[in-house]
Amino acid sequence: MRVVFMGTPSYATTILKALMEAEDIDVVGLVTQPDKPVGRKQVLTPPDTKRYLLETEAEIDICQPKTLRSEESQAWIRAKNPDFIVVAAFGQILPKEVLDIAPCINLHASILPKYRGASPIQSAILAGEKYSGVTSMLMDVGLDTGDMLGFSILGIGGMDAATLFEKLSVMAADLACRTLRNFYRIQPIPQLDCESSYAKKITKEDGLVTCKDAATVWAKYLAFIFWPGIYLQSGLKLKKIALVEQEARHNVCEILAVEEACIVVGCGKGTIRVYTVQSPSKKAMGAVDYIRGKRIGVGDILA
């Protein structure tokens, strides 16, 4: 099978690697996002999928279009004569002209029709879902609305987004290969739009926590561990925390105790431990050292 693969982050790289290692699948091209400046020095950095191909010196052509609506990018894909186009966290909507080149199969990191859109993993954690998974889907012109081809499901209780991304990427890699091999024997299942939900693109502002509810703070911490993290109104980032309990009533952000490696902080409902914090434009440091430097302690408000 000749496959053009479209994907950008590490989640996609795991799937790309599995396709490349399969004896019955020939990856004939990678389509990924353009290189982007990263960090304070704005170093031009390739997407993770491209980086993998360069490091392994794989002889696979790479296309990095700003838009798939250009005739040039569509001609590039068409020239590869793919039997399938496999898509995973690519980052652009596929126009009909691309969808018509070959069957386009998306490996979406949710149990569709829940959490269509840009942030399915984070959204599942924020919603307190007990299960998540991957759906292989035959793409159409809608946003994650195509007919479903297969599923892989796992329990996610207590997982952060980093762990869940890693586990789902491995599951997606296996599901991608199984879907391709059985494609013409699969009866696609239409999605029920009435059961759908949308996972919006995450913004930096989503990381703000008010400490009114410890369970919400903990869910955001798990969901946004990659980016943007969580922070107080003052801009103080809570880099490492743990949930203590979810019911006791406290003054918001009151320091309840100072322990050897952390401070105990009350929420309007519930309690958390804070191990590491980071002030704006400063390096991360232990929470105990932070409050000592601020000359605050038990009974004061963490800010």
C-alpha atoms as a PDB file:
ATOM      1  CA  MET A   1       0.000   0.000   0.000  1.00  0.00           C
ATOM      2  CA  ARG A   2       1.296   3.417  -0.963  1.00  0.00           C
ATOM      3  CA  VAL A   3       0.601   5.907   1.843  1.00  0.00           C
ATOM      4  CA  VAL A   4       1.033   9.654   2.085  1.00  0.00           C
ATOM      5  CA  PHE A   5       1.208  10.550   5.767  1.00  0.00           C
ATOM      6  CA  MET A   6       0.083  13.893   7.165  1.00  0.00           C
ATOM      7  CA  GLY A   7       1.044  14.767  10.731  1.00  0.00           C
ATOM      8  CA  THR A   8       3.036  17.195  12.839  1.00  0.00           C
ATOM      9  CA  PRO A   9       3.683  16.508  16.599  1.00  0.00           C
ATOM     10  CA  SER A  10       5.168  13.517  18.440  1.00  0.00           C
ATOM     11  CA  TYR A  11       1.737  11.807  18.525  1.00  0.00           C
ATOM     12  CA  ALA A  12       1.915  11.681  14.741  1.00  0.00           C
ATOM     13  CA  THR A  13       5.569  10.581  14.734  1.00  0.00           C
ATOM     14  CA  THR A  14       4.734   7.401  16.644  1.00  0.00           C
ATOM     15  CA  ILE A  15       2.139   6.513  13.998  1.00  0.00           C
ATOM     16  CA  LEU A  16       4.484   7.423  11.141  1.00  0.00           C
ATOM     17  CA  LYS A  17       7.194   5.168  12.588  1.00  0.00           C
ATOM     18  CA  ALA A  18       4.791   2.199  12.772  1.00  0.00           C
ATOM     19  CA  LEU A  19       3.707   2.706   9.157  1.00  0.00           C
ATOM     20  CA  MET A  20       7.335   2.880   8.024  1.00  0.00           C
ATOM     21  CA  GLU A  21       8.179  -0.352   9.865  1.00  0.00           C
ATOM     22  CA  ALA A  22       5.244  -2.282   8.368  1.00  0.00           C
ATOM     23  CA  GLU A  23       6.353  -4.577   5.542  1.00  0.00           C
ATOM     24  CA  ASP A  24       3.104  -4.202   3.619  1.00  0.00           C
ATOM     25  CA  ILE A  25       2.961  -0.384   3.800  1.00  0.00           C
ATOM     26  CA  ASP A  26       5.109   2.000   1.771  1.00  0.00           C
ATOM     27  CA  VAL A  27       5.164   5.577   3.074  1.00  0.00           C
ATOM     28  CA  VAL A  28       5.824   7.585  -0.072  1.00  0.00           C
ATOM     29  CA  GLY A  29       5.570  11.108   1.339  1.00  0.00           C
ATOM     30  CA  LEU A  30       5.181  13.216   4.474  1.00  0.00           C
ATOM     31  CA  VAL A  31       3.045  16.347   4.552  1.00  0.00           C
ATOM     32  CA  THR A  32       3.609  18.431   7.668  1.00  0.00           C
ATOM     33  CA  GLN A  33       3.474  22.012   8.906  1.00  0.00           C
ATOM     34  CA  PRO A  34       6.196  24.536   7.985  1.00  0.00           C
ATOM     35  CA  ASP A  35       9.200  24.939  10.293  1.00  0.00           C
ATOM     36  CA  LYS A  36       8.504  27.472  13.060  1.00  0.00           C
ATOM     37  CA  PRO A  37      10.653  29.732  15.254  1.00  0.00           C
ATOM     38  CA  VAL A  38      10.816  28.364  18.811  1.00  0.00           C
ATOM     39  CA  GLY A  39      11.996  29.778  22.134  1.00  0.00           C
ATOM     40  CA  ARG A  40      13.400  33.121  23.144  1.00  0.00           C
ATOM     41  CA  LYS A  41      16.006  33.004  20.391  1.00  0.00           C
ATOM     42  CA  GLN A  42      13.319  32.069  17.844  1.00  0.00           C
ATOM     43  CA  VAL A  43      15.347  29.190  16.416  1.00  0.00           C
ATOM     44  CA  LEU A  44      13.710  27.819  13.244  1.00  0.00           C
ATOM     45  CA  THR A  45      12.626  24.309  14.259  1.00  0.00           C
ATOM     46  CA  PRO A  46      11.119  21.499  12.148  1.00  0.00           C
ATOM     47  CA  PRO A  47       7.957  19.653  13.201  1.00  0.00           C
ATOM     48  CA  ASP A  48       8.550  16.430  15.121  1.00  0.00           C
ATOM     49  CA  THR A  49       7.620  14.209  12.168  1.00  0.00           C
ATOM     50  CA  LYS A  50      10.096  15.949   9.868  1.00  0.00           C
ATOM     51  CA  ARG A  51      12.785  15.859  12.564  1.00  0.00           C
ATOM     52  CA  TYR A  52      12.326  12.081  12.835  1.00  0.00           C
ATOM     53  CA  LEU A  53      12.762  11.557   9.097  1.00  0.00           C
ATOM     54  CA  LEU A  54      15.866  13.742   9.011  1.00  0.00           C
ATOM     55  CA  GLU A  55      17.441  11.992  12.012  1.00  0.00           C
ATOM     56  CA  THR A  56      16.791   8.526  10.588  1.00  0.00           C
ATOM     57  CA  GLU A  57      17.841   9.639   7.079  1.00  0.00           C
ATOM     58  CA  ALA A  58      14.689   8.066   5.690  1.00  0.00           C
ATOM     59  CA  GLU A  59      14.327   8.451   1.933  1.00  0.00           C
ATOM     60  CA  ILE A  60      10.833   9.924   2.121  1.00  0.00           C
ATOM     61  CA  ASP A  61       9.949  13.186   0.400  1.00  0.00           C
ATOM     62  CA  ILE A  62       8.633  15.968   2.636  1.00  0.00           C
ATOM     63  CA  CYS A  63       6.107  18.684   1.767  1.00  0.00           C
ATOM     64  CA  GLN A  64       5.450  21.615   4.139  1.00  0.00           C
ATOM     65  CA  PRO A  65       2.656  23.690   2.599  1.00  0.00           C
ATOM     66  CA  LYS A  66       1.265  26.788   4.246  1.00  0.00           C
ATOM     67  CA  THR A  67      -2.099  25.673   2.924  1.00  0.00           C
ATOM     68  CA  LEU A  68      -3.433  22.534   1.270  1.00  0.00           C
ATOM     69  CA  ARG A  69      -5.678  24.690  -0.861  1.00  0.00           C
ATOM     70  CA  SER A  70      -2.791  25.521  -3.178  1.00  0.00           C
ATOM     71  CA  GLU A  71      -2.636  23.672  -6.485  1.00  0.00           C
ATOM     72  CA  GLU A  72       1.072  23.065  -5.892  1.00  0.00           C
ATOM     73  CA  SER A  73       0.542  21.105  -2.674  1.00  0.00           C
ATOM     74  CA  GLN A  74      -2.356  19.146  -4.144  1.00  0.00           C
ATOM     75  CA  ALA A  75      -0.285  18.273  -7.221  1.00  0.00           C
ATOM     76  CA  TRP A  76       2.572  17.096  -4.956  1.00  0.00           C
ATOM     77  CA  ILE A  77       0.253  14.664  -3.159  1.00  0.00           C
ATOM     78  CA  ARG A  78      -1.391  13.520  -6.377  1.00  0.00           C
ATOM     79  CA  ALA A  79       2.005  12.788  -7.937  1.00  0.00           C
ATOM     80  CA  LYS A  80       2.745  10.309  -5.141  1.00  0.00           C
ATOM     81  CA  ASN A  81      -0.169   8.193  -6.399  1.00  0.00           C
ATOM     82  CA  PRO A  82      -1.219   7.120  -2.882  1.00  0.00           C
ATOM     83  CA  ASP A  83      -3.632   4.299  -2.142  1.00  0.00           C
ATOM     84  CA  PHE A  84      -4.387   6.010   1.182  1.00  0.00           C
ATOM     85  CA  ILE A  85      -3.719   9.291   2.937  1.00  0.00           C
ATOM     86  CA  VAL A  86      -3.263   8.793   6.690  1.00  0.00           C
ATOM     87  CA  VAL A  87      -3.747  11.871   8.886  1.00  0.00           C
ATOM     88  CA  ALA A  88      -2.849  12.374  12.552  1.00  0.00           C
ATOM     89  CA  ALA A  89      -2.772  15.779  14.276  1.00  0.00           C
ATOM     90  CA  PHE A  90      -1.779  17.492  11.048  1.00  0.00           C
ATOM     91  CA  GLY A  91      -3.051  20.958  11.955  1.00  0.00           C
ATOM     92  CA  GLN A  92      -4.864  21.970   8.769  1.00  0.00           C
ATOM     93  CA  ILE A  93      -8.307  21.221   7.358  1.00  0.00           C
ATOM     94  CA  LEU A  94      -8.151  18.980   4.281  1.00  0.00           C
ATOM     95  CA  PRO A  95     -10.049  20.515   1.325  1.00  0.00           C
ATOM     96  CA  LYS A  96     -12.244  18.381  -0.911  1.00  0.00           C
ATOM     97  CA  GLU A  97      -9.560  18.392  -3.620  1.00  0.00           C
ATOM     98  CA  VAL A  98      -7.242  16.447  -1.283  1.00  0.00           C
ATOM     99  CA  LEU A  99     -10.009  14.201   0.065  1.00  0.00           C
ATOM    100  CA  ASP A 100     -10.753  13.147  -3.526  1.00  0.00           C
ATOM    101  CA  ILE A 101      -7.174  11.992  -4.242  1.00  0.00           C
ATOM    102  CA  ALA A 102      -7.433   8.826  -2.107  1.00  0.00           C
ATOM    103  CA  PRO A 103      -9.319   7.589   0.980  1.00  0.00           C
ATOM    104  CA  CYS A 104      -8.197   9.824   3.856  1.00  0.00           C
ATOM    105  CA  ILE A 105      -8.049   8.100   7.233  1.00  0.00           C
ATOM    106  CA  ASN A 106      -7.706  10.193  10.379  1.00  0.00           C
ATOM    107  CA  LEU A 107      -6.464   8.828  13.721  1.00  0.00           C
ATOM    108  CA  HIS A 108      -8.365  11.076  16.132  1.00  0.00           C
ATOM    109  CA  ALA A 109      -7.462  10.924  19.824  1.00  0.00           C
ATOM    110  CA  SER A 110     -10.958  10.541  21.260  1.00  0.00           C
ATOM    111  CA  ILE A 111     -13.883   8.157  21.254  1.00  0.00           C
ATOM    112  CA  LEU A 112     -15.910   9.867  18.571  1.00  0.00           C
ATOM    113  CA  PRO A 113     -18.313  11.575  18.291  1.00  0.00           C
ATOM    114  CA  LYS A 114     -17.131  13.045  21.619  1.00  0.00           C
ATOM    115  CA  TYR A 115     -14.426  15.698  21.522  1.00  0.00           C
ATOM    116  CA  ARG A 116     -14.188  16.517  17.875  1.00  0.00           C
ATOM    117  CA  GLY A 117     -11.696  19.306  17.259  1.00  0.00           C
ATOM    118  CA  ALA A 118      -8.288  20.503  18.347  1.00  0.00           C
ATOM    119  CA  SER A 119      -7.838  19.349  21.963  1.00  0.00           C
ATOM    120  CA  PRO A 120      -9.568  15.985  22.513  1.00  0.00           C
ATOM    121  CA  ILE A 121      -7.069  14.625  25.058  1.00  0.00           C
ATOM    122  CA  GLN A 122      -7.072  17.718  27.256  1.00  0.00           C
ATOM    123  CA  SER A 123     -10.847  18.030  26.996  1.00  0.00           C
ATOM    124  CA  ALA A 124     -11.400  14.438  28.134  1.00  0.00           C
ATOM    125  CA  ILE A 125      -9.220  15.046  31.211  1.00  0.00           C
ATOM    126  CA  LEU A 126     -10.948  18.339  32.032  1.00  0.00           C
ATOM    127  CA  ALA A 127     -14.344  16.657  31.806  1.00  0.00           C
ATOM    128  CA  GLY A 128     -13.279  13.928  34.220  1.00  0.00           C
ATOM    129  CA  GLU A 129     -13.847  11.158  31.686  1.00  0.00           C
ATOM    130  CA  LYS A 130     -13.062   7.629  32.906  1.00  0.00           C
ATOM    131  CA  TYR A 131     -12.172   6.450  29.400  1.00  0.00           C
ATOM    132  CA  SER A 132     -10.487   7.861  26.323  1.00  0.00           C
ATOM    133  CA  GLY A 133      -9.198   6.303  23.143  1.00  0.00           C
ATOM    134  CA  VAL A 134      -8.497   6.620  19.445  1.00  0.00           C
ATOM    135  CA  THR A 135     -10.921   6.467  16.542  1.00  0.00           C
ATOM    136  CA  SER A 136      -9.899   5.746  12.961  1.00  0.00           C
ATOM    137  CA  MET A 137     -12.219   7.723  10.743  1.00  0.00           C
ATOM    138  CA  LEU A 138     -12.859   8.140   7.023  1.00  0.00           C
ATOM    139  CA  MET A 139     -12.481  11.883   6.567  1.00  0.00           C
ATOM    140  CA  ASP A 140     -15.045  14.151   4.934  1.00  0.00           C
ATOM    141  CA  VAL A 141     -15.273  17.936   4.563  1.00  0.00           C
ATOM    142  CA  GLY A 142     -16.544  18.385   8.147  1.00  0.00           C
ATOM    143  CA  LEU A 143     -14.445  18.721  11.309  1.00  0.00           C
ATOM    144  CA  ASP A 144     -13.963  15.135  12.560  1.00  0.00           C
ATOM    145  CA  THR A 145     -17.446  14.211  11.330  1.00  0.00           C
ATOM    146  CA  GLY A 146     -16.614  11.303   8.998  1.00  0.00           C
ATOM    147  CA  ASP A 147     -17.706   7.691   9.287  1.00  0.00           C
ATOM    148  CA  MET A 148     -15.878   5.645  11.936  1.00  0.00           C
ATOM    149  CA  LEU A 149     -13.737   2.651  10.960  1.00  0.00           C
ATOM    150  CA  GLY A 150     -12.285   1.382  14.253  1.00  0.00           C
ATOM    151  CA  PHE A 151     -11.626   2.112  17.923  1.00  0.00           C
ATOM    152  CA  SER A 152      -9.050   1.537  20.650  1.00  0.00           C
ATOM    153  CA  ILE A 153     -10.106   2.414  24.213  1.00  0.00           C
ATOM    154  CA  LEU A 154      -8.378   2.660  27.621  1.00  0.00           C
ATOM    155  CA  GLY A 155      -9.090   3.844  31.147  1.00  0.00           C
ATOM    156  CA  ILE A 156      -7.514   7.214  31.980  1.00  0.00           C
ATOM    157  CA  GLY A 157      -8.181   7.843  35.682  1.00  0.00           C
ATOM    158  CA  GLY A 158      -5.510  10.166  37.105  1.00  0.00           C
ATOM    159  CA  MET A 159      -3.420  10.384  33.927  1.00  0.00           C
ATOM    160  CA  ASP A 160      -1.920  13.684  32.849  1.00  0.00           C
ATOM    161  CA  ALA A 161      -1.975  14.779  29.222  1.00  0.00           C
ATOM    162  CA  ALA A 162       1.666  13.807  28.618  1.00  0.00           C
ATOM    163  CA  THR A 163       1.083  10.213  29.713  1.00  0.00           C
ATOM    164  CA  LEU A 164      -2.192   9.967  27.831  1.00  0.00           C
ATOM    165  CA  PHE A 165      -0.664  11.384  24.634  1.00  0.00           C
ATOM    166  CA  GLU A 166       2.044   8.722  24.771  1.00  0.00           C
ATOM    167  CA  LYS A 167      -0.335   5.830  25.405  1.00  0.00           C
ATOM    168  CA  LEU A 168      -2.822   6.947  22.758  1.00  0.00           C
ATOM    169  CA  SER A 169      -0.097   7.442  20.154  1.00  0.00           C
ATOM    170  CA  VAL A 170       0.982   3.800  20.552  1.00  0.00           C
ATOM    171  CA  MET A 171      -2.632   2.670  20.304  1.00  0.00           C
ATOM    172  CA  ALA A 172      -3.181   4.896  17.265  1.00  0.00           C
ATOM    173  CA  ALA A 173      -0.135   3.429  15.528  1.00  0.00           C
ATOM    174  CA  ASP A 174      -1.520  -0.092  15.897  1.00  0.00           C
ATOM    175  CA  LEU A 175      -5.027   1.001  14.903  1.00  0.00           C
ATOM    176  CA  ALA A 176      -3.721   2.776  11.790  1.00  0.00           C
ATOM    177  CA  CYS A 177      -2.048  -0.379  10.501  1.00  0.00           C
ATOM    178  CA  ARG A 178      -5.084  -2.556  11.295  1.00  0.00           C
ATOM    179  CA  THR A 179      -7.440  -0.112   9.599  1.00  0.00           C
ATOM    180  CA  LEU A 180      -5.358   0.028   6.427  1.00  0.00           C
ATOM    181  CA  ARG A 181      -5.036  -3.744   6.193  1.00  0.00           C
ATOM    182  CA  ASN A 182      -8.767  -4.301   6.690  1.00  0.00           C
ATOM    183  CA  PHE A 183     -10.080  -1.164   4.985  1.00  0.00           C
ATOM    184  CA  TYR A 184     -12.097  -2.886   2.265  1.00  0.00           C
ATOM    185  CA  ARG A 185     -13.655  -5.328   4.761  1.00  0.00           C
ATOM    186  CA  ILE A 186     -14.772  -2.646   7.237  1.00  0.00           C
ATOM    187  CA  GLN A 187     -18.357  -1.416   7.318  1.00  0.00           C
ATOM    188  CA  PRO A 188     -18.056   2.305   8.223  1.00  0.00           C
ATOM    189  CA  ILE A 189     -20.278   3.518  11.076  1.00  0.00           C
ATOM    190  CA  PRO A 190     -21.846   7.005  10.727  1.00  0.00           C
ATOM    191  CA  GLN A 191     -21.425   9.324  13.705  1.00  0.00           C
ATOM    192  CA  LEU A 192     -24.459  10.520  15.643  1.00  0.00           C
ATOM    193  CA  ASP A 193     -24.208  14.300  15.610  1.00  0.00           C
ATOM    194  CA  CYS A 194     -26.608  14.570  18.556  1.00  0.00           C
ATOM    195  CA  GLU A 195     -23.987  12.850  20.759  1.00  0.00           C
ATOM    196  CA  SER A 196     -21.067  14.976  19.584  1.00  0.00           C
ATOM    197  CA  SER A 197     -19.045  17.539  21.522  1.00  0.00           C
ATOM    198  CA  TYR A 198     -16.351  19.977  20.425  1.00  0.00           C
ATOM    199  CA  ALA A 199     -12.839  20.334  21.875  1.00  0.00           C
ATOM    200  CA  LYS A 200     -11.746  23.909  21.255  1.00  0.00           C
ATOM    201  CA  LYS A 201      -8.194  25.072  20.626  1.00  0.00           C
ATOM    202  CA  ILE A 202      -6.396  25.716  23.919  1.00  0.00           C
ATOM    203  CA  THR A 203      -5.221  29.247  24.693  1.00  0.00           C
ATOM    204  CA  LYS A 204      -2.788  30.566  27.289  1.00  0.00           C
ATOM    205  CA  GLU A 205      -5.727  32.064  29.187  1.00  0.00           C
ATOM    206  CA  ASP A 206      -7.129  28.569  29.802  1.00  0.00           C
ATOM    207  CA  GLY A 207      -4.308  27.984  32.298  1.00  0.00           C
ATOM    208  CA  LEU A 208      -5.627  30.558  34.796  1.00  0.00           C
ATOM    209  CA  VAL A 209      -6.820  28.983  38.065  1.00  0.00           C
ATOM    210  CA  THR A 210      -8.725  30.753  40.854  1.00  0.00           C
ATOM    211  CA  CYS A 211      -8.377  28.004  43.485  1.00  0.00           C
ATOM    212  CA  LYS A 212     -12.093  28.112  44.177  1.00  0.00           C
ATOM    213  CA  ASP A 213     -12.240  24.347  43.648  1.00  0.00           C
ATOM    214  CA  ALA A 214      -9.299  21.966  44.177  1.00  0.00           C
ATOM    215  CA  ALA A 215     -10.696  19.346  41.785  1.00  0.00           C
ATOM    216  CA  THR A 216     -10.800  21.921  38.982  1.00  0.00           C
ATOM    217  CA  VAL A 217      -7.244  23.052  39.704  1.00  0.00           C
ATOM    218  CA  TRP A 218      -6.076  19.422  39.612  1.00  0.00           C
ATOM    219  CA  ALA A 219      -7.904  18.682  36.360  1.00  0.00           C
ATOM    220  CA  LYS A 220      -6.374  21.739  34.700  1.00  0.00           C
ATOM    221  CA  TYR A 221      -2.941  20.775  36.005  1.00  0.00           C
ATOM    222  CA  LEU A 222      -3.264  17.304  34.442  1.00  0.00           C
ATOM    223  CA  ALA A 223      -4.731  18.614  31.183  1.00  0.00           C
ATOM    224  CA  PHE A 224      -2.358  21.530  30.602  1.00  0.00           C
ATOM    225  CA  ILE A 225       0.893  19.934  31.773  1.00  0.00           C
ATOM    226  CA  PHE A 226       2.373  20.397  28.279  1.00  0.00           C
ATOM    227  CA  TRP A 227       1.080  23.940  27.736  1.00  0.00           C
ATOM    228  CA  PRO A 228       0.089  26.459  28.972  1.00  0.00           C
ATOM    229  CA  GLY A 229       0.462  25.033  32.496  1.00  0.00           C
ATOM    230  CA  ILE A 230      -1.562  26.556  35.335  1.00  0.00           C
ATOM    231  CA  TYR A 231      -1.045  29.910  37.020  1.00  0.00           C
ATOM    232  CA  LEU A 232      -2.641  32.269  39.528  1.00  0.00           C
ATOM    233  CA  GLN A 233      -4.009  35.732  38.730  1.00  0.00           C
ATOM    234  CA  SER A 234      -0.626  37.183  39.786  1.00  0.00           C
ATOM    235  CA  GLY A 235       1.084  35.149  37.064  1.00  0.00           C
ATOM    236  CA  LEU A 236       2.680  32.713  39.528  1.00  0.00           C
ATOM    237  CA  LYS A 237       2.867  29.313  37.865  1.00  0.00           C
ATOM    238  CA  LEU A 238       2.073  26.196  39.881  1.00  0.00           C
ATOM    239  CA  LYS A 239       4.608  23.879  38.266  1.00  0.00           C
ATOM    240  CA  LYS A 240       4.113  20.780  40.425  1.00  0.00           C
ATOM    241  CA  ILE A 241       1.100  20.104  42.619  1.00  0.00           C
ATOM    242  CA  ALA A 242      -0.905  17.229  44.090  1.00  0.00           C
ATOM    243  CA  LEU A 243      -4.558  16.920  45.041  1.00  0.00           C
ATOM    244  CA  VAL A 244      -5.079  16.316  48.777  1.00  0.00           C
ATOM    245  CA  GLU A 245      -8.870  16.283  49.129  1.00  0.00           C
ATOM    246  CA  GLN A 246     -11.921  17.837  47.497  1.00  0.00           C
ATOM    247  CA  GLU A 247     -14.434  18.764  50.235  1.00  0.00           C
ATOM    248  CA  ALA A 248     -13.015  20.930  53.055  1.00  0.00           C
ATOM    249  CA  ARG A 249     -13.783  24.655  52.953  1.00  0.00           C
ATOM    250  CA  HIS A 250     -10.943  27.185  53.157  1.00  0.00           C
ATOM    251  CA  ASN A 251     -10.078  30.742  52.251  1.00  0.00           C
ATOM    252  CA  VAL A 252      -8.961  30.759  48.616  1.00  0.00           C
ATOM    253  CA  CYS A 253      -5.182  30.254  48.292  1.00  0.00           C
ATOM    254  CA  GLU A 254      -4.564  30.344  52.045  1.00  0.00           C
ATOM    255  CA  ILE A 255      -1.349  28.625  53.122  1.00  0.00           C
ATOM    256  CA  LEU A 256      -2.476  25.970  55.603  1.00  0.00           C
ATOM    257  CA  ALA A 257       0.836  24.283  56.392  1.00  0.00           C
ATOM    258  CA  VAL A 258       4.499  24.284  55.430  1.00  0.00           C
ATOM    259  CA  GLU A 259       5.991  20.824  54.983  1.00  0.00           C
ATOM    260  CA  GLU A 260       9.539  19.762  54.159  1.00  0.00           C
ATOM    261  CA  ALA A 261       9.089  19.610  50.376  1.00  0.00           C
ATOM    262  CA  CYS A 262       5.865  21.506  49.778  1.00  0.00           C
ATOM    263  CA  ILE A 263       3.220  23.857  51.094  1.00  0.00           C
ATOM    264  CA  VAL A 264      -0.408  22.931  51.711  1.00  0.00           C
ATOM    265  CA  VAL A 265      -2.811  25.393  50.118  1.00  0.00           C
ATOM    266  CA  GLY A 266      -6.540  25.685  50.733  1.00  0.00           C
ATOM    267  CA  CYS A 267      -9.140  26.220  48.033  1.00  0.00           C
ATOM    268  CA  GLY A 268     -12.697  27.418  48.378  1.00  0.00           C
ATOM    269  CA  LYS A 269     -13.479  23.706  48.228  1.00  0.00           C
ATOM    270  CA  GLY A 270     -10.693  21.195  48.745  1.00  0.00           C
ATOM    271  CA  THR A 271      -6.944  21.265  49.356  1.00  0.00           C
ATOM    272  CA  ILE A 272      -3.787  20.932  47.244  1.00  0.00           C
ATOM    273  CA  ARG A 273      -0.069  20.524  47.872  1.00  0.00           C
ATOM    274  CA  VAL A 274       2.232  22.827  45.918  1.00  0.00           C
ATOM    275  CA  TYR A 275       5.790  21.601  45.410  1.00  0.00           C
ATOM    276  CA  THR A 276       7.222  23.896  42.732  1.00  0.00           C
ATOM    277  CA  VAL A 277       6.309  27.390  41.536  1.00  0.00           C
ATOM    278  CA  GLN A 278       7.649  29.878  39.003  1.00  0.00           C
ATOM    279  CA  SER A 279       7.288  33.652  39.065  1.00  0.00           C
ATOM    280  CA  PRO A 280       6.975  35.497  35.722  1.00  0.00           C
ATOM    281  CA  SER A 281      10.376  35.725  33.952  1.00  0.00           C
ATOM    282  CA  LYS A 282      12.055  33.745  36.771  1.00  0.00           C
ATOM    283  CA  LYS A 283      13.314  30.183  37.111  1.00  0.00           C
ATOM    284  CA  ALA A 284      11.183  27.521  38.771  1.00  0.00           C
ATOM    285  CA  MET A 285      11.850  26.982  42.480  1.00  0.00           C
ATOM    286  CA  GLY A 286      10.549  25.047  45.460  1.00  0.00           C
ATOM    287  CA  ALA A 287       7.360  26.440  46.942  1.00  0.00           C
ATOM    288  CA  VAL A 288       8.872  26.444  50.441  1.00  0.00           C
ATOM    289  CA  ASP A 289      11.829  28.559  49.281  1.00  0.00           C
ATOM    290  CA  TYR A 290       9.423  30.852  47.428  1.00  0.00           C
ATOM    291  CA  ILE A 291       7.289  31.714  50.457  1.00  0.00           C
ATOM    292  CA  ARG A 292      10.382  32.173  52.621  1.00  0.00           C
ATOM    293  CA  GLY A 293      11.724  34.663  50.093  1.00  0.00           C
ATOM    294  CA  LYS A 294       8.370  36.463  50.155  1.00  0.00           C
ATOM    295  CA  ARG A 295       8.339  36.310  53.980  1.00  0.00           C
ATOM    296  CA  ILE A 296       4.925  34.747  54.107  1.00  0.00           C
ATOM    297  CA  GLY A 297       3.741  31.603  55.839  1.00  0.00           C
ATOM    298  CA  VAL A 298       0.810  29.796  57.416  1.00  0.00           C
ATOM    299  CA  GLY A 299      -2.323  31.957  57.303  1.00  0.00           C
ATOM    300  CA  ASP A 300      -1.090  34.127  54.445  1.00  0.00           C
ATOM    301  CA  ILE A 301      -2.376  34.032  50.875  1.00  0.00           C
ATOM    302  CA  LEU A 302      -0.234  32.461  48.155  1.00  0.00           C
ATOM    303  CA  ALA A 303       0.097  34.920  45.299  1.00  0.00           C
END
